[in-house]
All heavy atoms as atom14 arrays in JSON, in Angstrom:
{
  "sequence": "LYAKEKKAFLPFLVATPFLFLAGASLAYYVVMPTAFEWFLGFEGS",
  "atom14_mask": [
    [1, 1, 1, 1, 1, 1, 1, 1, 0, 0, 0, 0, 0, 0],
    [1, 1, 1, 1, 1, 1, 1, 1, 1, 1, 1, 1, 0, 0],
    [1, 1, 1, 1, 1, 0, 0, 0, 0, 0, 0, 0, 0, 0],
    [1, 1, 1, 1, 1, 1, 1, 1, 1, 0, 0, 0, 0, 0],
    [1, 1, 1, 1, 1, 1, 1, 1, 1, 0, 0, 0, 0, 0],
    [1, 1, 1, 1, 1, 1, 1, 1, 1, 0, 0, 0, 0, 0],
    [1, 1, 1, 1, 1, 1, 1, 1, 1, 0, 0, 0, 0, 0],
    [1, 1, 1, 1, 1, 0, 0, 0, 0, 0, 0, 0, 0, 0],
    [1, 1, 1, 1, 1, 1, 1, 1, 1, 1, 1, 0, 0, 0],
    [1, 1, 1, 1, 1, 1, 1, 1, 0, 0, 0, 0, 0, 0],
    [1, 1, 1, 1, 1, 1, 1, 0, 0, 0, 0, 0, 0, 0],
    [1, 1, 1, 1, 1, 1, 1, 1, 1, 1, 1, 0, 0, 0],
    [1, 1, 1, 1, 1, 1, 1, 1, 0, 0, 0, 0, 0, 0],
    [1, 1, 1, 1, 1, 1, 1, 0, 0, 0, 0, 0, 0, 0],
    [1, 1, 1, 1, 1, 0, 0, 0, 0, 0, 0, 0, 0, 0],
    [1, 1, 1, 1, 1, 1, 1, 0, 0, 0, 0, 0, 0, 0],
    [1, 1, 1, 1, 1, 1, 1, 0, 0, 0, 0, 0, 0, 0],
    [1, 1, 1, 1, 1, 1, 1, 1, 1, 1, 1, 0, 0, 0],
    [1, 1, 1, 1, 1, 1, 1, 1, 0, 0, 0, 0, 0, 0],
    [1, 1, 1, 1, 1, 1, 1, 1, 1, 1, 1, 0, 0, 0],
    [1, 1, 1, 1, 1, 1, 1, 1, 0, 0, 0, 0, 0, 0],
    [1, 1, 1, 1, 1, 0, 0, 0, 0, 0, 0, 0, 0, 0],
    [1, 1, 1, 1, 0, 0, 0, 0, 0, 0, 0, 0, 0, 0],
    [1, 1, 1, 1, 1, 0, 0, 0, 0, 0, 0, 0, 0, 0],
    [1, 1, 1, 1, 1, 1, 0, 0, 0, 0, 0, 0, 0, 0],
    [1, 1, 1, 1, 1, 1, 1, 1, 0, 0, 0, 0, 0, 0],
    [1, 1, 1, 1, 1, 0, 0, 0, 0, 0, 0, 0, 0, 0],
    [1, 1, 1, 1, 1, 1, 1, 1, 1, 1, 1, 1, 0, 0],
    [1, 1, 1, 1, 1, 1, 1, 1, 1, 1, 1, 1, 0, 0],
    [1, 1, 1, 1, 1, 1, 1, 0, 0, 0, 0, 0, 0, 0],
    [1, 1, 1, 1, 1, 1, 1, 0, 0, 0, 0, 0, 0, 0],
    [1, 1, 1, 1, 1, 1, 1, 1, 0, 0, 0, 0, 0, 0],
    [1, 1, 1, 1, 1, 1, 1, 0, 0, 0, 0, 0, 0, 0],
    [1, 1, 1, 1, 1, 1, 1, 0, 0, 0, 0, 0, 0, 0],
    [1, 1, 1, 1, 1, 0, 0, 0, 0, 0, 0, 0, 0, 0],
    [1, 1, 1, 1, 1, 1, 1, 1, 1, 1, 1, 0, 0, 0],
    [1, 1, 1, 1, 1, 1, 1, 1, 1, 0, 0, 0, 0, 0],
    [1, 1, 1, 1, 1, 1, 1, 1, 1, 1, 1, 1, 1, 1],
    [1, 1, 1, 1, 1, 1, 1, 1, 1, 1, 1, 0, 0, 0],
    [1, 1, 1, 1, 1, 1, 1, 1, 0, 0, 0, 0, 0, 0],
    [1, 1, 1, 1, 0, 0, 0, 0, 0, 0, 0, 0, 0, 0],
    [1, 1, 1, 1, 1, 1, 1, 1, 1, 1, 1, 0, 0, 0],
    [1, 1, 1, 1, 1, 1, 1, 1, 1, 0, 0, 0, 0, 0],
    [1, 1, 1, 1, 0, 0, 0, 0, 0, 0, 0, 0, 0, 0],
    [1, 1, 1, 1, 1, 1, 0, 0, 0, 0, 0, 0, 0, 0]
  ],
  "atom14_positions": [
    [[-10.12, -24.48, 12.93], [-9.0, -23.98, 13.74], [-9.31, -24.02, 15.24], [-10.48, -23.87, 15.63], [-8.65, -22.54, 13.37], [-8.3, -22.25, 11.9], [-8.05, -20.78, 11.66], [-7.05, -23.05, 11.49], [0.0, 0.0, 0.0], [0.0, 0.0, 0.0], [0.0, 0.0, 0.0], [0.0, 0.0, 0.0], [0.0, 0.0, 0.0], [0.0, 0.0, 0.0]],
    [[-8.34, -24.28, 16.04], [-8.44, -24.18, 17.5], [-8.57, -22.72, 17.9], [-8.16, -21.84, 17.17], [-7.28, -24.85, 18.21], [-7.3, -26.39, 18.04], [-6.49, -27.0, 17.08], [-8.07, -27.16, 18.85], [-6.48, -28.41, 16.94], [-8.04, -28.56, 18.69], [-7.26, -29.16, 17.75], [-7.26, -30.48, 17.63], [0.0, 0.0, 0.0], [0.0, 0.0, 0.0]],
    [[-9.07, -22.55, 19.1], [-9.28, -21.15, 19.54], [-7.95, -20.4, 19.62], [-7.86, -19.22, 19.21], [-9.86, -21.2, 20.96], [0.0, 0.0, 0.0], [0.0, 0.0, 0.0], [0.0, 0.0, 0.0], [0.0, 0.0, 0.0], [0.0, 0.0, 0.0], [0.0, 0.0, 0.0], [0.0, 0.0, 0.0], [0.0, 0.0, 0.0], [0.0, 0.0, 0.0]],
    [[-6.89, -21.06, 19.99], [-5.54, -20.38, 19.99], [-5.12, -19.97, 18.63], [-4.53, -18.9, 18.4], [-4.53, -21.3, 20.64], [-3.14, -20.72, 20.78], [-2.16, -21.69, 21.47], [-0.82, -21.03, 21.54], [0.17, -22.01, 22.18], [0.0, 0.0, 0.0], [0.0, 0.0, 0.0], [0.0, 0.0, 0.0], [0.0, 0.0, 0.0], [0.0, 0.0, 0.0]],
    [[-5.39, -20.83, 17.6], [-5.01, -20.53, 16.26], [-5.87, -19.35, 15.73], [-5.4, -18.6, 14.95], [-5.18, -21.76, 15.44], [-4.26, -22.87, 15.78], [-4.55, -24.2, 15.05], [-5.72, -24.34, 14.65], [-3.65, -25.04, 14.9], [0.0, 0.0, 0.0], [0.0, 0.0, 0.0], [0.0, 0.0, 0.0], [0.0, 0.0, 0.0], [0.0, 0.0, 0.0]],
    [[-7.15, -19.34, 16.1], [-8.06, -18.27, 15.69], [-7.55, -16.93, 16.19], [-7.44, -15.98, 15.46], [-9.5, -18.56, 16.11], [-10.14, -19.71, 15.45], [-11.53, -19.9, 16.02], [-12.23, -21.19, 15.5], [-13.55, -21.36, 16.04], [0.0, 0.0, 0.0], [0.0, 0.0, 0.0], [0.0, 0.0, 0.0], [0.0, 0.0, 0.0], [0.0, 0.0, 0.0]],
    [[-7.2, -16.94, 17.49], [-6.74, -15.69, 18.08], [-5.41, -15.2, 17.46], [-5.16, -14.04, 17.39], [-6.58, -15.88, 19.58], [-7.88, -16.08, 20.35], [-7.57, -16.33, 21.8], [-8.9, -16.52, 22.55], [-8.67, -16.74, 24.04], [0.0, 0.0, 0.0], [0.0, 0.0, 0.0], [0.0, 0.0, 0.0], [0.0, 0.0, 0.0], [0.0, 0.0, 0.0]],
    [[-4.59, -16.19, 17.02], [-3.29, -15.87, 16.41], [-3.49, -15.32, 14.99], [-2.75, -14.45, 14.51], [-2.36, -17.04, 16.43], [0.0, 0.0, 0.0], [0.0, 0.0, 0.0], [0.0, 0.0, 0.0], [0.0, 0.0, 0.0], [0.0, 0.0, 0.0], [0.0, 0.0, 0.0], [0.0, 0.0, 0.0], [0.0, 0.0, 0.0], [0.0, 0.0, 0.0]],
    [[-4.44, -15.83, 14.26], [-4.63, -15.53, 12.84], [-5.52, -14.33, 12.66], [-5.29, -13.56, 11.67], [-5.21, -16.74, 12.16], [-5.33, -16.57, 10.66], [-4.25, -16.59, 9.81], [-6.51, -16.31, 10.02], [-4.31, -16.46, 8.48], [-6.71, -16.12, 8.69], [-5.57, -16.21, 7.89], [0.0, 0.0, 0.0], [0.0, 0.0, 0.0], [0.0, 0.0, 0.0]],
    [[-6.54, -14.13, 13.48], [-7.51, -13.04, 13.29], [-6.88, -11.68, 13.17], [-7.26, -10.84, 12.31], [-8.58, -13.1, 14.43], [-9.79, -12.24, 14.21], [-10.46, -12.54, 12.88], [-10.75, -12.39, 15.35], [0.0, 0.0, 0.0], [0.0, 0.0, 0.0], [0.0, 0.0, 0.0], [0.0, 0.0, 0.0], [0.0, 0.0, 0.0], [0.0, 0.0, 0.0]],
    [[-5.92, -11.28, 14.02], [-5.31, -9.92, 13.92], [-4.69, -9.67, 12.57], [-4.72, -8.6, 12.05], [-4.27, -9.86, 15.07], [-4.78, -10.91, 16.02], [-5.38, -11.97, 15.25], [0.0, 0.0, 0.0], [0.0, 0.0, 0.0], [0.0, 0.0, 0.0], [0.0, 0.0, 0.0], [0.0, 0.0, 0.0], [0.0, 0.0, 0.0], [0.0, 0.0, 0.0]],
    [[-4.05, -10.73, 11.97], [-3.44, -10.58, 10.65], [-4.49, -10.4, 9.57], [-4.32, -9.6, 8.65], [-2.57, -11.79, 10.36], [-1.5, -12.04, 11.32], [-1.49, -13.19, 12.13], [-0.49, -11.1, 11.53], [-0.5, -13.39, 13.04], [0.5, -11.34, 12.51], [0.48, -12.48, 13.25], [0.0, 0.0, 0.0], [0.0, 0.0, 0.0], [0.0, 0.0, 0.0]],
    [[-5.63, -11.07, 9.73], [-6.7, -10.9, 8.77], [-7.26, -9.5, 8.83], [-7.56, -8.84, 7.82], [-7.81, -11.91, 9.06], [-9.01, -11.86, 8.15], [-8.62, -12.32, 6.73], [-10.1, -12.75, 8.64], [0.0, 0.0, 0.0], [0.0, 0.0, 0.0], [0.0, 0.0, 0.0], [0.0, 0.0, 0.0], [0.0, 0.0, 0.0], [0.0, 0.0, 0.0]],
    [[-7.38, -8.93, 10.02], [-7.91, -7.57, 10.19], [-6.86, -6.53, 9.68], [-7.22, -5.52, 9.06], [-8.21, -7.27, 11.69], [-8.62, -5.84, 11.88], [-9.3, -8.24, 12.16], [0.0, 0.0, 0.0], [0.0, 0.0, 0.0], [0.0, 0.0, 0.0], [0.0, 0.0, 0.0], [0.0, 0.0, 0.0], [0.0, 0.0, 0.0], [0.0, 0.0, 0.0]],
    [[-5.59, -6.81, 9.86], [-4.54, -5.84, 9.48], [-4.31, -5.8, 8.01], [-3.82, -4.77, 7.46], [-3.18, -6.2, 10.19], [0.0, 0.0, 0.0], [0.0, 0.0, 0.0], [0.0, 0.0, 0.0], [0.0, 0.0, 0.0], [0.0, 0.0, 0.0], [0.0, 0.0, 0.0], [0.0, 0.0, 0.0], [0.0, 0.0, 0.0], [0.0, 0.0, 0.0]],
    [[-4.66, -6.9, 7.25], [-4.39, -6.96, 5.84], [-4.93, -5.82, 5.01], [-4.19, -5.11, 4.31], [-4.82, -8.32, 5.29], [-4.07, -9.36, 5.92], [-4.62, -8.37, 3.79], [0.0, 0.0, 0.0], [0.0, 0.0, 0.0], [0.0, 0.0, 0.0], [0.0, 0.0, 0.0], [0.0, 0.0, 0.0], [0.0, 0.0, 0.0], [0.0, 0.0, 0.0]],
    [[-6.29, -5.55, 5.1], [-6.81, -4.41, 4.32], [-6.19, -3.1, 4.68], [-6.04, -2.19, 3.81], [-8.31, -4.45, 4.52], [-8.48, -5.21, 5.85], [-7.34, -6.18, 5.85], [0.0, 0.0, 0.0], [0.0, 0.0, 0.0], [0.0, 0.0, 0.0], [0.0, 0.0, 0.0], [0.0, 0.0, 0.0], [0.0, 0.0, 0.0], [0.0, 0.0, 0.0]],
    [[-5.92, -2.82, 5.95], [-5.35, -1.54, 6.37], [-3.95, -1.39, 5.79], [-3.56, -0.28, 5.39], [-5.36, -1.5, 7.91], [-6.72, -1.35, 8.5], [-7.36, -2.45, 9.04], [-7.38, -0.14, 8.45], [-8.63, -2.32, 9.6], [-8.7, -0.04, 8.99], [-9.26, -1.14, 9.59], [0.0, 0.0, 0.0], [0.0, 0.0, 0.0], [0.0, 0.0, 0.0]],
    [[-3.14, -2.43, 5.86], [-1.78, -2.33, 5.32], [-1.83, -2.12, 3.78], [-1.05, -1.36, 3.21], [-1.01, -3.56, 5.66], [-0.59, -3.76, 7.1], [0.07, -5.09, 7.37], [0.41, -2.61, 7.46], [0.0, 0.0, 0.0], [0.0, 0.0, 0.0], [0.0, 0.0, 0.0], [0.0, 0.0, 0.0], [0.0, 0.0, 0.0], [0.0, 0.0, 0.0]],
    [[-2.73, -2.85, 3.11], [-2.87, -2.67, 1.65], [-3.27, -1.26, 1.32], [-2.71, -0.62, 0.39], [-3.88, -3.65, 1.1], [-4.01, -3.62, -0.43], [-3.2, -4.38, -1.18], [-4.93, -2.77, -1.02], [-3.34, -4.29, -2.64], [-5.04, -2.69, -2.41], [-4.25, -3.46, -3.18], [0.0, 0.0, 0.0], [0.0, 0.0, 0.0], [0.0, 0.0, 0.0]],
    [[-4.26, -0.73, 2.11], [-4.69, 0.67, 1.89], [-3.56, 1.65, 2.16], [-3.41, 2.65, 1.41], [-5.85, 0.95, 2.75], [-6.48, 2.38, 2.67], [-7.0, 2.58, 1.23], [-7.63, 2.53, 3.68], [0.0, 0.0, 0.0], [0.0, 0.0, 0.0], [0.0, 0.0, 0.0], [0.0, 0.0, 0.0], [0.0, 0.0, 0.0], [0.0, 0.0, 0.0]],
    [[-2.72, 1.4, 3.13], [-1.61, 2.27, 3.42], [-0.63, 2.3, 2.29], [-0.12, 3.37, 1.86], [-0.9, 1.84, 4.71], [0.0, 0.0, 0.0], [0.0, 0.0, 0.0], [0.0, 0.0, 0.0], [0.0, 0.0, 0.0], [0.0, 0.0, 0.0], [0.0, 0.0, 0.0], [0.0, 0.0, 0.0], [0.0, 0.0, 0.0], [0.0, 0.0, 0.0]],
    [[-0.31, 1.14, 1.75], [0.6, 1.05, 0.6], [0.01, 1.68, -0.63], [0.71, 2.43, -1.31], [0.0, 0.0, 0.0], [0.0, 0.0, 0.0], [0.0, 0.0, 0.0], [0.0, 0.0, 0.0], [0.0, 0.0, 0.0], [0.0, 0.0, 0.0], [0.0, 0.0, 0.0], [0.0, 0.0, 0.0], [0.0, 0.0, 0.0], [0.0, 0.0, 0.0]],
    [[-1.3, 1.43, -0.92], [-1.93, 2.1, -2.08], [-1.99, 3.63, -1.93], [-1.8, 4.36, -2.94], [-3.35, 1.52, -2.27], [0.0, 0.0, 0.0], [0.0, 0.0, 0.0], [0.0, 0.0, 0.0], [0.0, 0.0, 0.0], [0.0, 0.0, 0.0], [0.0, 0.0, 0.0], [0.0, 0.0, 0.0], [0.0, 0.0, 0.0], [0.0, 0.0, 0.0]],
    [[-2.22, 4.11, -0.69], [-2.26, 5.53, -0.48], [-0.89, 6.19, -0.63], [-0.8, 7.27, -1.24], [-2.8, 5.86, 0.97], [-4.06, 5.3, 1.15], [0.0, 0.0, 0.0], [0.0, 0.0, 0.0], [0.0, 0.0, 0.0], [0.0, 0.0, 0.0], [0.0, 0.0, 0.0], [0.0, 0.0, 0.0], [0.0, 0.0, 0.0], [0.0, 0.0, 0.0]],
    [[0.19, 5.5, -0.2], [1.46, 6.04, -0.41], [1.75, 6.1, -1.93], [2.38, 7.09, -2.37], [2.51, 5.14, 0.28], [3.98, 5.49, 0.05], [4.3, 6.8, 0.63], [4.86, 4.37, 0.66], [0.0, 0.0, 0.0], [0.0, 0.0, 0.0], [0.0, 0.0, 0.0], [0.0, 0.0, 0.0], [0.0, 0.0, 0.0], [0.0, 0.0, 0.0]],
    [[1.39, 5.13, -2.65], [1.62, 5.17, -4.12], [0.86, 6.26, -4.75], [1.41, 6.95, -5.66], [1.17, 3.75, -4.73], [0.0, 0.0, 0.0], [0.0, 0.0, 0.0], [0.0, 0.0, 0.0], [0.0, 0.0, 0.0], [0.0, 0.0, 0.0], [0.0, 0.0, 0.0], [0.0, 0.0, 0.0], [0.0, 0.0, 0.0], [0.0, 0.0, 0.0]],
    [[-0.41, 6.49, -4.41], [-1.24, 7.46, -5.11], [-0.85, 8.87, -4.72], [-0.75, 9.72, -5.6], [-2.71, 7.19, -4.73], [-3.66, 8.15, -5.35], [-4.14, 7.98, -6.65], [-4.13, 9.31, -4.7], [-5.04, 8.84, -7.24], [-4.98, 10.22, -5.28], [-5.42, 10.0, -6.55], [-6.29, 10.86, -7.16], [0.0, 0.0, 0.0], [0.0, 0.0, 0.0]],
    [[-0.64, 9.16, -3.44], [-0.47, 10.51, -2.96], [0.99, 10.97, -3.0], [1.28, 12.2, -3.01], [-0.99, 10.7, -1.53], [-2.51, 10.66, -1.49], [-3.15, 9.5, -0.99], [-3.3, 11.68, -1.98], [-4.56, 9.42, -0.94], [-4.72, 11.64, -1.91], [-5.31, 10.47, -1.42], [-6.68, 10.39, -1.38], [0.0, 0.0, 0.0], [0.0, 0.0, 0.0]],
    [[1.97, 10.08, -2.99], [3.37, 10.47, -2.91], [4.15, 9.99, -4.11], [4.82, 10.76, -4.77], [4.0, 9.92, -1.56], [5.45, 10.28, -1.55], [3.25, 10.45, -0.39], [0.0, 0.0, 0.0], [0.0, 0.0, 0.0], [0.0, 0.0, 0.0], [0.0, 0.0, 0.0], [0.0, 0.0, 0.0], [0.0, 0.0, 0.0], [0.0, 0.0, 0.0]],
    [[4.09, 8.65, -4.36], [4.98, 8.06, -5.38], [4.58, 8.46, -6.77], [5.44, 8.89, -7.56], [5.0, 6.53, -5.19], [5.94, 5.95, -6.24], [5.47, 6.18, -3.79], [0.0, 0.0, 0.0], [0.0, 0.0, 0.0], [0.0, 0.0, 0.0], [0.0, 0.0, 0.0], [0.0, 0.0, 0.0], [0.0, 0.0, 0.0], [0.0, 0.0, 0.0]],
    [[3.3, 8.38, -7.13], [2.92, 8.61, -8.55], [3.16, 10.03, -8.87], [3.65, 10.29, -9.99], [1.47, 8.17, -8.72], [1.28, 6.64, -8.84], [-0.33, 6.13, -9.48], [-1.39, 6.58, -8.2], [0.0, 0.0, 0.0], [0.0, 0.0, 0.0], [0.0, 0.0, 0.0], [0.0, 0.0, 0.0], [0.0, 0.0, 0.0], [0.0, 0.0, 0.0]],
    [[2.77, 11.0, -8.09], [3.06, 12.42, -8.53], [4.58, 12.65, -8.71], [4.94, 13.34, -9.63], [2.51, 13.25, -7.32], [1.43, 12.44, -6.75], [1.94, 11.01, -6.83], [0.0, 0.0, 0.0], [0.0, 0.0, 0.0], [0.0, 0.0, 0.0], [0.0, 0.0, 0.0], [0.0, 0.0, 0.0], [0.0, 0.0, 0.0], [0.0, 0.0, 0.0]],
    [[5.35, 12.09, -7.82], [6.8, 12.23, -7.92], [7.34, 11.6, -9.2], [8.15, 12.19, -9.96], [7.57, 11.66, -6.71], [7.02, 12.31, -5.52], [9.01, 11.89, -6.78], [0.0, 0.0, 0.0], [0.0, 0.0, 0.0], [0.0, 0.0, 0.0], [0.0, 0.0, 0.0], [0.0, 0.0, 0.0], [0.0, 0.0, 0.0], [0.0, 0.0, 0.0]],
    [[6.87, 10.38, -9.45], [7.37, 9.65, -10.64], [6.89, 10.33, -11.95], [7.67, 10.42, -12.83], [6.83, 8.15, -10.6], [0.0, 0.0, 0.0], [0.0, 0.0, 0.0], [0.0, 0.0, 0.0], [0.0, 0.0, 0.0], [0.0, 0.0, 0.0], [0.0, 0.0, 0.0], [0.0, 0.0, 0.0], [0.0, 0.0, 0.0], [0.0, 0.0, 0.0]],
    [[5.64, 10.78, -11.98], [5.11, 11.4, -13.24], [5.85, 12.7, -13.52], [6.13, 13.01, -14.68], [3.62, 11.58, -13.08], [2.83, 10.32, -12.97], [1.56, 10.36, -12.46], [3.37, 9.15, -13.39], [0.85, 9.14, -12.43], [2.66, 7.93, -13.3], [1.37, 7.91, -12.77], [0.0, 0.0, 0.0], [0.0, 0.0, 0.0], [0.0, 0.0, 0.0]],
    [[6.2, 13.46, -12.48], [6.91, 14.69, -12.71], [8.32, 14.38, -13.29], [8.83, 15.09, -14.15], [7.05, 15.5, -11.41], [5.73, 16.17, -11.0], [5.92, 16.93, -9.72], [7.06, 17.04, -9.22], [4.91, 17.48, -9.21], [0.0, 0.0, 0.0], [0.0, 0.0, 0.0], [0.0, 0.0, 0.0], [0.0, 0.0, 0.0], [0.0, 0.0, 0.0]],
    [[8.89, 13.28, -12.77], [10.21, 12.86, -13.29], [10.14, 12.41, -14.71], [10.98, 12.78, -15.54], [10.77, 11.75, -12.4], [12.16, 11.39, -12.67], [13.31, 12.07, -12.32], [12.61, 10.22, -13.4], [14.42, 11.37, -12.76], [14.0, 10.28, -13.43], [11.95, 9.21, -14.06], [14.77, 9.3, -14.07], [12.69, 8.23, -14.67], [14.14, 8.31, -14.67]],
    [[9.07, 11.66, -15.08], [8.89, 11.22, -16.42], [8.67, 12.37, -17.35], [9.25, 12.37, -18.49], [7.71, 10.23, -16.5], [7.92, 8.92, -15.87], [6.9, 8.23, -15.22], [9.23, 8.34, -15.83], [7.13, 7.01, -14.61], [9.43, 7.08, -15.23], [8.38, 6.43, -14.59], [0.0, 0.0, 0.0], [0.0, 0.0, 0.0], [0.0, 0.0, 0.0]],
    [[7.83, 13.29, -17.0], [7.51, 14.43, -17.85], [8.72, 15.37, -18.0], [8.75, 16.22, -18.87], [6.31, 15.22, -17.31], [5.01, 14.48, -17.36], [3.9, 15.29, -16.68], [4.61, 14.16, -18.77], [0.0, 0.0, 0.0], [0.0, 0.0, 0.0], [0.0, 0.0, 0.0], [0.0, 0.0, 0.0], [0.0, 0.0, 0.0], [0.0, 0.0, 0.0]],
    [[9.7, 15.22, -17.13], [10.91, 16.05, -17.26], [11.73, 15.72, -18.48], [12.66, 16.5, -18.86], [0.0, 0.0, 0.0], [0.0, 0.0, 0.0], [0.0, 0.0, 0.0], [0.0, 0.0, 0.0], [0.0, 0.0, 0.0], [0.0, 0.0, 0.0], [0.0, 0.0, 0.0], [0.0, 0.0, 0.0], [0.0, 0.0, 0.0], [0.0, 0.0, 0.0]],
    [[11.42, 14.63, -19.21], [12.11, 14.24, -20.41], [11.53, 14.94, -21.64], [12.05, 14.74, -22.75], [12.13, 12.76, -20.63], [12.95, 12.0, -19.61], [12.41, 11.46, -18.46], [14.33, 11.88, -19.84], [13.2, 10.77, -17.59], [15.1, 11.2, -18.9], [14.56, 10.68, -17.74], [0.0, 0.0, 0.0], [0.0, 0.0, 0.0], [0.0, 0.0, 0.0]],
    [[10.44, 15.76, -21.43], [9.9, 16.46, -22.57], [10.88, 17.57, -22.98], [11.63, 18.08, -22.19], [8.52, 17.07, -22.2], [7.38, 16.12, -22.12], [6.05, 16.8, -21.94], [6.03, 17.79, -21.12], [5.06, 16.44, -22.54], [0.0, 0.0, 0.0], [0.0, 0.0, 0.0], [0.0, 0.0, 0.0], [0.0, 0.0, 0.0], [0.0, 0.0, 0.0]],
    [[10.88, 17.87, -24.24], [11.79, 18.9, -24.75], [11.87, 18.81, -26.26], [10.84, 18.61, -26.93], [0.0, 0.0, 0.0], [0.0, 0.0, 0.0], [0.0, 0.0, 0.0], [0.0, 0.0, 0.0], [0.0, 0.0, 0.0], [0.0, 0.0, 0.0], [0.0, 0.0, 0.0], [0.0, 0.0, 0.0], [0.0, 0.0, 0.0], [0.0, 0.0, 0.0]],
    [[13.04, 18.9, -26.72], [13.26, 18.85, -28.17], [14.64, 18.13, -28.44], [15.56, 18.24, -27.59], [13.26, 20.24, -28.81], [14.26, 21.04, -28.27], [0.0, 0.0, 0.0], [0.0, 0.0, 0.0], [0.0, 0.0, 0.0], [0.0, 0.0, 0.0], [0.0, 0.0, 0.0], [0.0, 0.0, 0.0], [0.0, 0.0, 0.0], [0.0, 0.0, 0.0]]
  ]
}
């Protein structure tokens, strides 16, 4: 890659794990507890 291409691509490479971690954290701490409580709401008789 040319220097200009490296400078353009490198920030995206650095941001990728942080964005993935942000999405995974949202799923673990917010979405899954909410979804599981909704699923368990179907318990009964």
